[in-house]
Amino acid sequence: HGHGDRLNINFFAEGRELIPEMGYPEYMDHIAPATGGWTTHTVCHATVEVDEKRQLSGVSGDLHYFADLDGIKAVEASCEDAFSWRGVDRYRRTLLLIDIPGGAYAVDLFRVRGGKRHDWLFHGPAGELALEGIALSDPAPGTLAGRDVQFGAVPKDIQPYDKHNSGYQYLFDVRSGRAHTTMSAVWTMPDGLRFRAM
């Protein structure tokens, strides 16, 4: 099987998953099975969605390099085939893990060329979230798929795994804003550990 998760990343530190992979929770529940539900969609993963569409299934990417050097780890991979049907000819991710005194920081460079809209998708850990450098609107009705689209509603005449099924119907209480400076998100976990993404 396959999810729309090409070039997805997970990030672990301090014994925790800070950028989580959602896994299969909806398939582990006999009460509410959801074939083709939330976790299969590109929007559920830490990757880029193009033109509000799902990645193609059954495609493979390329590993360009992996380096384990003193003070820095680096990897670069690509998978243009995930969105070739949207005119994408560059879909490449470079990740760096750079050591600093007392820890490390990660750099994520995701380059996309082609298509009209690129949504960079990011999911943080469980905990209290605070945003810096941006003010958000009040939550909008409906879902990211539309003000009149209910949570989990499959678009009419589209199968759950169809490339036109964006998965945006699973994102509700949508808030928007425009950053005019560097924006950051800080998650504070119940034991006080903080994770910052900017």
C-alpha atoms as a PDB file:
ATOM      1  CA  HIS A   1       0.000   0.000   0.000  1.00  0.00           C
ATOM      2  CA  GLY A   2       1.070   3.609  -0.122  1.00  0.00           C
ATOM      3  CA  HIS A   3       0.237   6.953   1.368  1.00  0.00           C
ATOM      4  CA  GLY A   4       0.815  10.341  -0.256  1.00  0.00           C
ATOM      5  CA  ASP A   5       3.976  10.783   1.812  1.00  0.00           C
ATOM      6  CA  ARG A   6       6.901  11.212  -0.593  1.00  0.00           C
ATOM      7  CA  LEU A   7       9.735  13.196   1.072  1.00  0.00           C
ATOM      8  CA  ASN A   8       7.922  13.167   4.420  1.00  0.00           C
ATOM      9  CA  ILE A   9      10.140  13.599   7.471  1.00  0.00           C
ATOM     10  CA  ASN A  10       9.948  12.609  11.129  1.00  0.00           C
ATOM     11  CA  PHE A  11      12.108  14.330  13.706  1.00  0.00           C
ATOM     12  CA  PHE A  12      13.092  12.753  17.013  1.00  0.00           C
ATOM     13  CA  ALA A  13      14.943  14.475  19.875  1.00  0.00           C
ATOM     14  CA  GLU A  14      15.081  14.095  23.639  1.00  0.00           C
ATOM     15  CA  GLY A  15      13.394  10.695  23.320  1.00  0.00           C
ATOM     16  CA  ARG A  16      10.314  12.128  21.563  1.00  0.00           C
ATOM     17  CA  GLU A  17       8.831  12.451  18.128  1.00  0.00           C
ATOM     18  CA  LEU A  18       8.736  16.220  17.566  1.00  0.00           C
ATOM     19  CA  ILE A  19       7.585  16.112  13.922  1.00  0.00           C
ATOM     20  CA  PRO A  20       5.259  13.113  14.045  1.00  0.00           C
ATOM     21  CA  GLU A  21       4.177  10.532  11.516  1.00  0.00           C
ATOM     22  CA  MET A  22       0.497   9.976  12.118  1.00  0.00           C
ATOM     23  CA  GLY A  23       0.703   6.246  11.427  1.00  0.00           C
ATOM     24  CA  TYR A  24      -2.498   4.260  11.230  1.00  0.00           C
ATOM     25  CA  PRO A  25      -4.743   5.298  14.134  1.00  0.00           C
ATOM     26  CA  GLU A  26      -7.923   5.347  12.055  1.00  0.00           C
ATOM     27  CA  TYR A  27      -7.333   1.761  10.916  1.00  0.00           C
ATOM     28  CA  MET A  28      -6.832   0.467  14.455  1.00  0.00           C
ATOM     29  CA  ASP A  29     -10.395   1.328  15.473  1.00  0.00           C
ATOM     30  CA  HIS A  30     -13.177  -1.119  14.559  1.00  0.00           C
ATOM     31  CA  ILE A  31     -15.779   1.490  15.541  1.00  0.00           C
ATOM     32  CA  ALA A  32     -14.808   4.114  12.959  1.00  0.00           C
ATOM     33  CA  PRO A  33     -12.865   2.538  10.096  1.00  0.00           C
ATOM     34  CA  ALA A  34     -11.882   5.135   7.503  1.00  0.00           C
ATOM     35  CA  THR A  35     -10.367   3.600   4.396  1.00  0.00           C
ATOM     36  CA  GLY A  36      -8.626   6.379   2.539  1.00  0.00           C
ATOM     37  CA  GLY A  37      -9.043   8.722   5.486  1.00  0.00           C
ATOM     38  CA  TRP A  38      -6.821  11.371   7.054  1.00  0.00           C
ATOM     39  CA  THR A  39      -3.552   9.451   7.397  1.00  0.00           C
ATOM     40  CA  THR A  40      -3.366   8.461   3.727  1.00  0.00           C
ATOM     41  CA  HIS A  41      -3.336  12.054   2.473  1.00  0.00           C
ATOM     42  CA  THR A  42      -0.339  14.177   1.561  1.00  0.00           C
ATOM     43  CA  VAL A  43      -1.684  16.950   3.818  1.00  0.00           C
ATOM     44  CA  CYS A  44      -1.309  14.611   6.821  1.00  0.00           C
ATOM     45  CA  HIS A  45       2.468  14.446   6.318  1.00  0.00           C
ATOM     46  CA  ALA A  46       5.409  16.838   6.750  1.00  0.00           C
ATOM     47  CA  THR A  47       5.987  17.453   3.045  1.00  0.00           C
ATOM     48  CA  VAL A  48       4.695  19.791   0.291  1.00  0.00           C
ATOM     49  CA  GLU A  49       1.336  19.517  -1.462  1.00  0.00           C
ATOM     50  CA  VAL A  50       1.036  21.049  -4.940  1.00  0.00           C
ATOM     51  CA  ASP A  51      -2.115  22.733  -6.280  1.00  0.00           C
ATOM     52  CA  GLU A  52      -4.227  21.351  -3.406  1.00  0.00           C
ATOM     53  CA  LYS A  53      -3.836  17.835  -4.833  1.00  0.00           C
ATOM     54  CA  ARG A  54      -2.616  14.542  -3.455  1.00  0.00           C
ATOM     55  CA  GLN A  55       0.687  12.980  -4.519  1.00  0.00           C
ATOM     56  CA  LEU A  56       0.562  10.154  -7.036  1.00  0.00           C
ATOM     57  CA  SER A  57       0.705   6.660  -5.566  1.00  0.00           C
ATOM     58  CA  GLY A  58       3.261   4.047  -6.526  1.00  0.00           C
ATOM     59  CA  VAL A  59       6.084   6.426  -7.402  1.00  0.00           C
ATOM     60  CA  SER A  60       9.628   6.320  -6.054  1.00  0.00           C
ATOM     61  CA  GLY A  61      12.189   9.017  -5.407  1.00  0.00           C
ATOM     62  CA  ASP A  62      15.954   9.342  -5.581  1.00  0.00           C
ATOM     63  CA  LEU A  63      18.522   9.675  -2.810  1.00  0.00           C
ATOM     64  CA  HIS A  64      21.157  12.173  -3.964  1.00  0.00           C
ATOM     65  CA  TYR A  65      23.473  12.060  -0.951  1.00  0.00           C
ATOM     66  CA  PHE A  66      23.758  11.210   2.722  1.00  0.00           C
ATOM     67  CA  ALA A  67      26.659  12.654   4.709  1.00  0.00           C
ATOM     68  CA  ASP A  68      27.643  11.925   8.305  1.00  0.00           C
ATOM     69  CA  LEU A  69      30.399  14.447   9.016  1.00  0.00           C
ATOM     70  CA  ASP A  70      31.862  15.833  12.211  1.00  0.00           C
ATOM     71  CA  GLY A  71      29.347  18.409  13.458  1.00  0.00           C
ATOM     72  CA  ILE A  72      26.890  18.076  10.579  1.00  0.00           C
ATOM     73  CA  LYS A  73      24.622  15.429   9.083  1.00  0.00           C
ATOM     74  CA  ALA A  74      23.028  16.005   5.669  1.00  0.00           C
ATOM     75  CA  VAL A  75      20.672  14.218   3.299  1.00  0.00           C
ATOM     76  CA  GLU A  76      19.070  15.199  -0.002  1.00  0.00           C
ATOM     77  CA  ALA A  77      16.330  13.364  -1.888  1.00  0.00           C
ATOM     78  CA  SER A  78      13.852  14.136  -4.660  1.00  0.00           C
ATOM     79  CA  CYS A  79      10.635  12.737  -6.107  1.00  0.00           C
ATOM     80  CA  GLU A  80       9.430  14.789  -9.061  1.00  0.00           C
ATOM     81  CA  ASP A  81       7.138  11.928 -10.114  1.00  0.00           C
ATOM     82  CA  ALA A  82       4.898  12.620  -7.088  1.00  0.00           C
ATOM     83  CA  PHE A  83       3.535  15.701  -8.848  1.00  0.00           C
ATOM     84  CA  SER A  84       4.700  15.308 -12.446  1.00  0.00           C
ATOM     85  CA  TRP A  85       1.029  15.368 -13.457  1.00  0.00           C
ATOM     86  CA  ARG A  86       0.899  18.969 -12.109  1.00  0.00           C
ATOM     87  CA  GLY A  87       3.876  20.076 -14.226  1.00  0.00           C
ATOM     88  CA  VAL A  88       6.394  19.763 -11.381  1.00  0.00           C
ATOM     89  CA  ASP A  89       9.987  19.284 -12.561  1.00  0.00           C
ATOM     90  CA  ARG A  90      11.653  19.950  -9.187  1.00  0.00           C
ATOM     91  CA  TYR A  91      10.507  18.369  -5.917  1.00  0.00           C
ATOM     92  CA  ARG A  92      13.616  18.118  -3.763  1.00  0.00           C
ATOM     93  CA  ARG A  93      14.324  18.201  -0.032  1.00  0.00           C
ATOM     94  CA  THR A  94      17.630  18.837   1.739  1.00  0.00           C
ATOM     95  CA  LEU A  95      17.919  18.298   5.489  1.00  0.00           C
ATOM     96  CA  LEU A  96      20.819  19.329   7.703  1.00  0.00           C
ATOM     97  CA  LEU A  97      21.379  18.534  11.372  1.00  0.00           C
ATOM     98  CA  ILE A  98      24.004  20.897  12.763  1.00  0.00           C
ATOM     99  CA  ASP A  99      25.624  20.394  16.158  1.00  0.00           C
ATOM    100  CA  ILE A 100      25.852  23.369  18.527  1.00  0.00           C
ATOM    101  CA  PRO A 101      26.979  23.478  22.159  1.00  0.00           C
ATOM    102  CA  GLY A 102      24.303  21.728  24.227  1.00  0.00           C
ATOM    103  CA  GLY A 103      22.325  20.359  21.291  1.00  0.00           C
ATOM    104  CA  ALA A 104      21.664  20.745  17.597  1.00  0.00           C
ATOM    105  CA  TYR A 105      19.338  22.440  15.163  1.00  0.00           C
ATOM    106  CA  ALA A 106      17.817  21.234  11.923  1.00  0.00           C
ATOM    107  CA  VAL A 107      17.573  23.041   8.586  1.00  0.00           C
ATOM    108  CA  ASP A 108      14.897  21.958   6.113  1.00  0.00           C
ATOM    109  CA  LEU A 109      15.166  23.190   2.514  1.00  0.00           C
ATOM    110  CA  PHE A 110      12.295  22.076   0.273  1.00  0.00           C
ATOM    111  CA  ARG A 111      12.453  23.210  -3.342  1.00  0.00           C
ATOM    112  CA  VAL A 112       9.481  22.886  -5.692  1.00  0.00           C
ATOM    113  CA  ARG A 113       9.190  24.137  -9.278  1.00  0.00           C
ATOM    114  CA  GLY A 114       5.985  23.687 -11.220  1.00  0.00           C
ATOM    115  CA  GLY A 115       2.328  23.803 -10.387  1.00  0.00           C
ATOM    116  CA  LYS A 116       0.690  26.999  -9.142  1.00  0.00           C
ATOM    117  CA  ARG A 117       0.367  26.600  -5.374  1.00  0.00           C
ATOM    118  CA  HIS A 118       2.794  24.982  -2.930  1.00  0.00           C
ATOM    119  CA  ASP A 119       1.545  24.196   0.595  1.00  0.00           C
ATOM    120  CA  TRP A 120       4.385  23.350   3.002  1.00  0.00           C
ATOM    121  CA  LEU A 121       2.866  21.002   5.558  1.00  0.00           C
ATOM    122  CA  PHE A 122       4.132  20.754   9.122  1.00  0.00           C
ATOM    123  CA  HIS A 123       2.810  18.964  12.194  1.00  0.00           C
ATOM    124  CA  GLY A 124       4.262  19.475  15.645  1.00  0.00           C
ATOM    125  CA  PRO A 125       4.163  17.440  18.839  1.00  0.00           C
ATOM    126  CA  ALA A 126       1.371  17.266  21.392  1.00  0.00           C
ATOM    127  CA  GLY A 127       1.580  20.276  23.687  1.00  0.00           C
ATOM    128  CA  GLU A 128       0.613  23.919  24.010  1.00  0.00           C
ATOM    129  CA  LEU A 129       1.290  25.908  20.833  1.00  0.00           C
ATOM    130  CA  ALA A 130       2.263  29.589  20.765  1.00  0.00           C
ATOM    131  CA  LEU A 131       2.851  31.526  17.534  1.00  0.00           C
ATOM    132  CA  GLU A 132       5.232  34.480  17.298  1.00  0.00           C
ATOM    133  CA  GLY A 133       5.407  37.042  14.490  1.00  0.00           C
ATOM    134  CA  ILE A 134       1.873  36.517  13.169  1.00  0.00           C
ATOM    135  CA  ALA A 135      -1.694  37.293  14.231  1.00  0.00           C
ATOM    136  CA  LEU A 136      -4.387  34.837  13.159  1.00  0.00           C
ATOM    137  CA  SER A 137      -8.031  35.344  12.284  1.00  0.00           C
ATOM    138  CA  ASP A 138     -10.868  33.739  14.191  1.00  0.00           C
ATOM    139  CA  PRO A 139     -11.607  30.153  13.088  1.00  0.00           C
ATOM    140  CA  ALA A 140     -13.588  29.956   9.847  1.00  0.00           C
ATOM    141  CA  PRO A 141     -16.615  27.687   9.474  1.00  0.00           C
ATOM    142  CA  GLY A 142     -16.301  24.454   7.527  1.00  0.00           C
ATOM    143  CA  THR A 143     -12.871  23.096   6.632  1.00  0.00           C
ATOM    144  CA  LEU A 144      -9.852  24.110   4.557  1.00  0.00           C
ATOM    145  CA  ALA A 145     -11.634  22.449   1.602  1.00  0.00           C
ATOM    146  CA  GLY A 146     -14.348  25.123   1.876  1.00  0.00           C
ATOM    147  CA  ARG A 147     -16.639  26.943   4.280  1.00  0.00           C
ATOM    148  CA  ASP A 148     -19.479  24.589   3.280  1.00  0.00           C
ATOM    149  CA  VAL A 149     -17.407  21.367   3.342  1.00  0.00           C
ATOM    150  CA  GLN A 150     -17.956  19.308   6.472  1.00  0.00           C
ATOM    151  CA  PHE A 151     -15.189  17.481   8.330  1.00  0.00           C
ATOM    152  CA  GLY A 152     -14.211  14.239   6.566  1.00  0.00           C
ATOM    153  CA  ALA A 153     -16.631  14.681   3.650  1.00  0.00           C
ATOM    154  CA  VAL A 154     -15.262  12.938   0.561  1.00  0.00           C
ATOM    155  CA  PRO A 155     -15.643  15.139  -2.519  1.00  0.00           C
ATOM    156  CA  LYS A 156     -18.495  14.056  -4.797  1.00  0.00           C
ATOM    157  CA  ASP A 157     -17.529  11.580  -7.529  1.00  0.00           C
ATOM    158  CA  ILE A 158     -13.960  11.244  -6.171  1.00  0.00           C
ATOM    159  CA  GLN A 159     -12.635   8.032  -4.682  1.00  0.00           C
ATOM    160  CA  PRO A 160     -10.753   8.249  -1.337  1.00  0.00           C
ATOM    161  CA  TYR A 161      -7.326   7.555  -2.909  1.00  0.00           C
ATOM    162  CA  ASP A 162      -7.883   9.699  -6.020  1.00  0.00           C
ATOM    163  CA  LYS A 163      -5.151  12.257  -6.776  1.00  0.00           C
ATOM    164  CA  HIS A 164      -7.798  15.036  -6.776  1.00  0.00           C
ATOM    165  CA  ASN A 165      -8.770  14.320  -3.147  1.00  0.00           C
ATOM    166  CA  SER A 166      -6.658  16.899  -1.274  1.00  0.00           C
ATOM    167  CA  GLY A 167      -7.474  15.780   2.271  1.00  0.00           C
ATOM    168  CA  TYR A 168      -8.253  19.406   3.202  1.00  0.00           C
ATOM    169  CA  GLN A 169     -11.685  18.259   4.385  1.00  0.00           C
ATOM    170  CA  TYR A 170      -9.927  16.945   7.523  1.00  0.00           C
ATOM    171  CA  LEU A 171      -8.617  20.396   8.561  1.00  0.00           C
ATOM    172  CA  PHE A 172     -11.171  22.396  10.532  1.00  0.00           C
ATOM    173  CA  ASP A 173     -11.184  25.584  12.660  1.00  0.00           C
ATOM    174  CA  VAL A 174      -9.020  27.083   9.912  1.00  0.00           C
ATOM    175  CA  ARG A 175      -7.341  30.364  10.856  1.00  0.00           C
ATOM    176  CA  SER A 176      -5.333  32.576   8.525  1.00  0.00           C
ATOM    177  CA  GLY A 177      -2.802  35.368   8.809  1.00  0.00           C
ATOM    178  CA  ARG A 178       0.074  37.036   7.018  1.00  0.00           C
ATOM    179  CA  ALA A 179       3.568  37.128   8.482  1.00  0.00           C
ATOM    180  CA  HIS A 180       5.489  40.347   7.884  1.00  0.00           C
ATOM    181  CA  THR A 181       8.582  39.151   9.712  1.00  0.00           C
ATOM    182  CA  THR A 182      10.094  35.826  10.760  1.00  0.00           C
ATOM    183  CA  MET A 183       7.331  33.639  12.138  1.00  0.00           C
ATOM    184  CA  SER A 184       7.895  30.880  14.648  1.00  0.00           C
ATOM    185  CA  ALA A 185       5.840  28.223  16.359  1.00  0.00           C
ATOM    186  CA  VAL A 186       6.764  27.049  19.849  1.00  0.00           C
ATOM    187  CA  TRP A 187       5.324  23.882  21.350  1.00  0.00           C
ATOM    188  CA  THR A 188       5.605  23.475  25.117  1.00  0.00           C
ATOM    189  CA  MET A 189       5.110  19.887  26.233  1.00  0.00           C
ATOM    190  CA  PRO A 190       3.528  18.951  29.580  1.00  0.00           C
ATOM    191  CA  ASP A 191       6.948  18.404  31.202  1.00  0.00           C
ATOM    192  CA  GLY A 192       8.213  21.825  30.033  1.00  0.00           C
ATOM    193  CA  LEU A 193      10.345  20.725  27.045  1.00  0.00           C
ATOM    194  CA  ARG A 194      10.010  23.295  24.235  1.00  0.00           C
ATOM    195  CA  PHE A 195      10.295  22.761  20.479  1.00  0.00           C
ATOM    196  CA  ARG A 196      10.645  25.792  18.185  1.00  0.00           C
ATOM    197  CA  ALA A 197      10.106  25.835  14.425  1.00  0.00           C
ATOM    198  CA  MET A 198      10.750  28.976  12.389  1.00  0.00           C
END
